[in-house]
Amino acid sequence: MKKQLRHDFQKWIVQKRYWMILGGVLLFSLGYAVYLVQKGLPGMVVMELGLSQLRPLYWLLCCFMIGDVISSDYHYKTMKTTIPSSSTRTAYLISKSVTSVVICLLLLFAHMTSSFIVVYMFSPQIEWGLLGELFASAAIGAFITVIFLVGLITLCMILTENEAATIGFSMGTIFIMLVLESLKQLAIYIPTMQMITLSSTLHSSLTTGMTIIGALLLSGILFIWSSISIFRSKDLFI
């Protein structure tokens, strides 16, 4: 497991496209935060608006990165050489899932941190309690949604063994969710909304908030477990 994780992270680190994505997000975050600060908006408003504006792009980037991590050995035809070096097929898929989750959360952390730096430089009188709550709710909302997406995309990849189909399915899923966000009755339940709505949902109804968290986590885990079960029964060496 540790060997596979190390292999996946080393492979991620040397990929230029991930650094380009990170650089693009940092440029957007810094530029947009400076723009909002110059308009005289309070620090917390800047943080919240920045997160809200980045969110649709963030989820599209996450889908791309998750799909790329999960499908890399299919794409480069290295599955037959990678699997024997991993302790088990279960460890292989768990490693891919962990790597995907870490990459997506690091992207969110980069955005939140860069926005905070700009806000603190121009407006040091910030409400630390509210800032901590924003960081925590965004991280939890992103985490449960990423787990859900990792499970869904992994299952699609294992079933289709087709990178293009998997990427298309994941992007299409995100677009459908973004469209459904316009329906006020459904908005608080949509996975892609959780990083900005989970805090208010928990404040208004703890039961509803915990149900959403549990449902997304359970769905993601079930998808991953189903993927592992199917993957273990596949003959990859035909």
Protein backbone atom coordinates (compact mmCIF):
# COMPACT_ATOMS: atom_id res chain seq x y z
CA MET A 1 0.00 0.00 0.00
CA LYS A 2 2.75 2.46 1.00
CA LYS A 3 4.77 1.52 -2.09
CA GLN A 4 1.79 2.15 -4.37
CA LEU A 5 0.97 5.45 -2.67
CA ARG A 6 4.56 6.61 -3.04
CA HIS A 7 4.52 5.62 -6.71
CA ASP A 8 1.26 7.50 -7.37
CA PHE A 9 2.39 10.68 -5.60
CA GLN A 10 5.76 10.65 -7.33
CA LYS A 11 4.03 10.28 -10.67
CA TRP A 12 1.68 13.14 -9.80
CA ILE A 13 4.50 15.47 -8.76
CA VAL A 14 6.33 15.21 -12.10
CA GLN A 15 3.23 15.88 -14.22
CA LYS A 16 3.43 19.42 -15.60
CA ARG A 17 -0.32 19.67 -16.22
CA TYR A 18 -1.06 19.50 -12.50
CA TRP A 19 1.36 22.33 -11.79
CA MET A 20 -0.24 24.33 -14.61
CA ILE A 21 -3.68 23.78 -13.03
CA LEU A 22 -2.33 24.82 -9.62
CA GLY A 23 -0.69 27.91 -11.11
CA GLY A 24 -3.88 28.90 -12.90
CA VAL A 25 -5.96 28.56 -9.74
CA LEU A 26 -3.43 30.61 -7.75
CA LEU A 27 -3.44 33.38 -10.37
CA PHE A 28 -7.24 33.46 -10.38
CA SER A 29 -7.46 33.43 -6.58
CA LEU A 30 -4.89 36.17 -6.08
CA GLY A 31 -6.20 38.36 -8.90
CA TYR A 32 -9.85 38.05 -7.94
CA ALA A 33 -9.12 38.66 -4.25
CA VAL A 34 -7.10 41.82 -5.08
CA TYR A 35 -9.95 43.02 -7.33
CA LEU A 36 -12.56 42.54 -4.59
CA VAL A 37 -10.38 44.11 -1.91
CA GLN A 38 -9.79 47.15 -4.10
CA LYS A 39 -13.55 47.56 -4.34
CA GLY A 40 -13.63 47.98 -0.57
CA LEU A 41 -15.40 44.74 0.31
CA PRO A 42 -14.91 43.26 3.81
CA GLY A 43 -12.43 40.41 4.18
CA MET A 44 -14.99 37.68 4.83
CA VAL A 45 -17.06 38.77 1.83
CA VAL A 46 -13.95 38.54 -0.33
CA MET A 47 -13.25 35.01 0.90
CA GLU A 48 -16.83 33.87 0.37
CA LEU A 49 -17.16 35.42 -3.09
CA GLY A 50 -13.84 33.98 -4.17
CA LEU A 51 -14.88 30.49 -3.10
CA SER A 52 -18.27 30.85 -4.75
CA GLN A 53 -16.83 32.05 -8.07
CA LEU A 54 -14.12 29.38 -8.20
CA ARG A 55 -16.48 26.54 -7.29
CA PRO A 56 -17.81 25.53 -10.77
CA LEU A 57 -14.31 25.56 -12.27
CA TYR A 58 -12.94 23.78 -9.22
CA TRP A 59 -15.27 20.82 -9.66
CA LEU A 60 -14.52 20.53 -13.37
CA LEU A 61 -10.80 20.54 -12.58
CA CYS A 62 -11.33 17.94 -9.86
CA CYS A 63 -13.15 15.65 -12.28
CA PHE A 64 -10.35 15.99 -14.79
CA MET A 65 -7.65 15.26 -12.19
CA ILE A 66 -9.55 12.33 -10.63
CA GLY A 67 -10.17 10.82 -14.06
CA ASP A 68 -6.54 11.31 -15.01
CA VAL A 69 -5.24 9.63 -11.84
CA ILE A 70 -7.66 6.70 -12.05
CA SER A 71 -7.22 6.09 -15.79
CA SER A 72 -3.49 6.76 -16.19
CA ASP A 73 -2.48 3.08 -16.32
CA TYR A 74 -5.23 2.33 -18.83
CA HIS A 75 -4.20 5.32 -20.96
CA TYR A 76 -0.48 4.53 -21.00
CA LYS A 77 -1.02 0.74 -21.22
CA THR A 78 0.98 0.20 -18.02
CA MET A 79 -1.66 -1.75 -16.08
CA LYS A 80 0.03 -5.12 -16.62
CA THR A 81 3.33 -3.85 -15.20
CA THR A 82 1.85 -1.75 -12.38
CA ILE A 83 -0.53 -4.31 -10.87
CA PRO A 84 2.14 -6.97 -10.12
CA SER A 85 4.23 -4.37 -8.27
CA SER A 86 1.31 -3.43 -6.01
CA SER A 87 0.62 -5.63 -2.97
CA THR A 88 -3.01 -6.23 -4.00
CA ARG A 89 -5.55 -4.84 -6.45
CA THR A 90 -7.42 -3.44 -3.45
CA ALA A 91 -4.32 -1.49 -2.39
CA TYR A 92 -3.92 -0.28 -5.96
CA LEU A 93 -7.41 1.27 -6.15
CA ILE A 94 -7.33 2.63 -2.60
CA SER A 95 -4.02 4.33 -3.42
CA LYS A 96 -5.53 5.88 -6.54
CA SER A 97 -8.52 7.09 -4.50
CA VAL A 98 -6.36 8.58 -1.73
CA THR A 99 -4.14 10.34 -4.28
CA SER A 100 -7.19 11.82 -6.01
CA VAL A 101 -8.67 13.11 -2.75
CA VAL A 102 -5.38 14.68 -1.65
CA ILE A 103 -4.83 16.43 -4.98
CA CYS A 104 -8.32 17.94 -4.99
CA LEU A 105 -8.07 19.13 -1.38
CA LEU A 106 -4.64 20.63 -2.02
CA LEU A 107 -6.14 22.66 -4.86
CA LEU A 108 -8.82 24.00 -2.51
CA PHE A 109 -6.21 24.74 0.16
CA ALA A 110 -4.13 26.68 -2.38
CA HIS A 111 -7.13 28.83 -3.29
CA MET A 112 -8.20 29.50 0.30
CA THR A 113 -4.66 30.26 1.46
CA SER A 114 -3.84 32.64 -1.40
CA SER A 115 -7.14 34.48 -0.94
CA PHE A 116 -6.51 34.76 2.79
CA ILE A 117 -3.01 36.21 2.22
CA VAL A 118 -4.43 38.97 0.03
CA VAL A 119 -7.24 39.70 2.50
CA TYR A 120 -4.83 39.82 5.45
CA MET A 121 -2.40 42.12 3.63
CA PHE A 122 -5.08 44.68 2.80
CA SER A 123 -7.50 44.11 5.67
CA PRO A 124 -5.79 42.58 8.74
CA GLN A 125 -8.86 43.22 10.93
CA ILE A 126 -10.50 39.91 10.04
CA GLU A 127 -12.93 37.88 12.12
CA TRP A 128 -10.88 34.79 12.92
CA GLY A 129 -13.81 32.76 14.22
CA LEU A 130 -15.81 33.23 11.02
CA LEU A 131 -12.71 32.60 8.93
CA GLY A 132 -12.04 29.31 10.73
CA GLU A 133 -15.65 28.26 10.22
CA LEU A 134 -15.42 29.09 6.50
CA PHE A 135 -12.22 27.05 6.11
CA ALA A 136 -13.68 24.10 8.03
CA SER A 137 -17.04 24.02 6.26
CA ALA A 138 -15.44 24.43 2.81
CA ALA A 139 -12.95 21.63 3.56
CA ILE A 140 -15.62 19.25 4.88
CA GLY A 141 -18.00 20.06 2.02
CA ALA A 142 -15.24 19.54 -0.52
CA PHE A 143 -14.03 16.34 1.15
CA ILE A 144 -17.38 14.56 1.15
CA THR A 145 -18.08 15.60 -2.44
CA VAL A 146 -14.62 14.53 -3.61
CA ILE A 147 -15.12 11.11 -1.95
CA PHE A 148 -18.44 10.80 -3.79
CA LEU A 149 -16.90 11.80 -7.13
CA VAL A 150 -13.86 9.56 -6.69
CA GLY A 151 -16.13 6.58 -6.08
CA LEU A 152 -18.40 7.40 -9.02
CA ILE A 153 -15.56 8.06 -11.48
CA THR A 154 -13.61 4.99 -10.35
CA LEU A 155 -16.65 2.78 -10.85
CA CYS A 156 -17.20 4.23 -14.32
CA MET A 157 -13.54 3.64 -15.23
CA ILE A 158 -13.55 0.05 -14.01
CA LEU A 159 -16.79 -0.73 -15.85
CA THR A 160 -15.92 0.93 -19.16
CA GLU A 161 -12.10 0.71 -19.16
CA ASN A 162 -12.32 3.74 -21.41
CA GLU A 163 -10.65 7.02 -20.46
CA ALA A 164 -12.66 9.21 -22.86
CA ALA A 165 -15.97 7.73 -21.69
CA THR A 166 -15.01 8.21 -18.04
CA ILE A 167 -13.92 11.83 -18.47
CA GLY A 168 -17.03 12.58 -20.52
CA PHE A 169 -19.29 10.96 -17.92
CA SER A 170 -17.67 12.82 -15.02
CA MET A 171 -17.78 16.21 -16.77
CA GLY A 172 -21.38 15.61 -17.79
CA THR A 173 -22.27 14.74 -14.19
CA ILE A 174 -20.79 18.01 -12.97
CA PHE A 175 -22.63 20.04 -15.61
CA ILE A 176 -25.93 18.38 -14.62
CA MET A 177 -25.27 19.20 -10.96
CA LEU A 178 -24.46 22.82 -11.81
CA VAL A 179 -27.74 23.09 -13.71
CA LEU A 180 -29.70 21.52 -10.84
CA GLU A 181 -28.23 24.11 -8.47
CA SER A 182 -30.63 26.65 -9.99
CA LEU A 183 -33.55 24.79 -8.39
CA LYS A 184 -33.84 26.30 -4.91
CA GLN A 185 -35.63 23.27 -3.48
CA LEU A 186 -32.74 20.99 -4.49
CA ALA A 187 -29.74 23.30 -4.19
CA ILE A 188 -28.74 22.43 -0.62
CA TYR A 189 -28.68 18.71 -1.49
CA ILE A 190 -26.51 18.96 -4.61
CA PRO A 191 -22.96 17.63 -3.95
CA THR A 192 -21.23 20.49 -5.77
CA MET A 193 -22.94 23.02 -3.48
CA GLN A 194 -21.75 21.55 -0.19
CA MET A 195 -18.53 23.55 0.08
CA ILE A 196 -20.57 26.77 0.32
CA THR A 197 -23.91 25.62 1.77
CA LEU A 198 -22.97 22.96 4.33
CA SER A 199 -22.30 25.45 7.12
CA SER A 200 -25.69 27.18 6.80
CA THR A 201 -27.44 23.81 6.44
CA LEU A 202 -25.90 22.55 9.69
CA HIS A 203 -26.87 25.78 11.47
CA SER A 204 -30.48 25.62 10.27
CA SER A 205 -30.94 21.86 10.60
CA LEU A 206 -28.25 19.66 12.11
CA THR A 207 -30.16 16.52 11.09
CA THR A 208 -30.33 17.57 7.43
CA GLY A 209 -26.66 18.53 7.37
CA MET A 210 -25.52 15.27 8.95
CA THR A 211 -27.78 13.30 6.60
CA ILE A 212 -26.16 14.96 3.57
CA ILE A 213 -22.66 14.26 4.94
CA GLY A 214 -23.52 10.64 5.68
CA ALA A 215 -25.23 10.06 2.34
CA LEU A 216 -22.34 11.40 0.28
CA LEU A 217 -19.70 9.56 2.30
CA LEU A 218 -21.63 6.28 2.24
CA SER A 219 -22.33 6.57 -1.49
CA GLY A 220 -18.67 7.28 -2.24
CA ILE A 221 -17.46 4.37 -0.10
CA LEU A 222 -19.99 2.00 -1.69
CA PHE A 223 -18.91 3.08 -5.17
CA ILE A 224 -15.25 2.51 -4.29
CA TRP A 225 -15.98 -0.86 -2.70
CA SER A 226 -18.02 -1.93 -5.74
CA SER A 227 -15.15 -0.84 -7.98
CA ILE A 228 -12.69 -2.90 -5.95
CA SER A 229 -14.95 -5.98 -6.08
CA ILE A 230 -15.33 -5.74 -9.87
CA PHE A 231 -11.66 -4.89 -10.41
CA ARG A 232 -10.48 -7.91 -8.41
CA SER A 233 -12.49 -10.25 -10.64
CA LYS A 234 -11.25 -8.80 -13.93
CA ASP A 235 -8.65 -10.60 -16.03
CA LEU A 236 -6.18 -7.82 -16.89
CA PHE A 237 -3.59 -10.07 -18.46
CA ILE A 238 -5.40 -11.36 -21.53
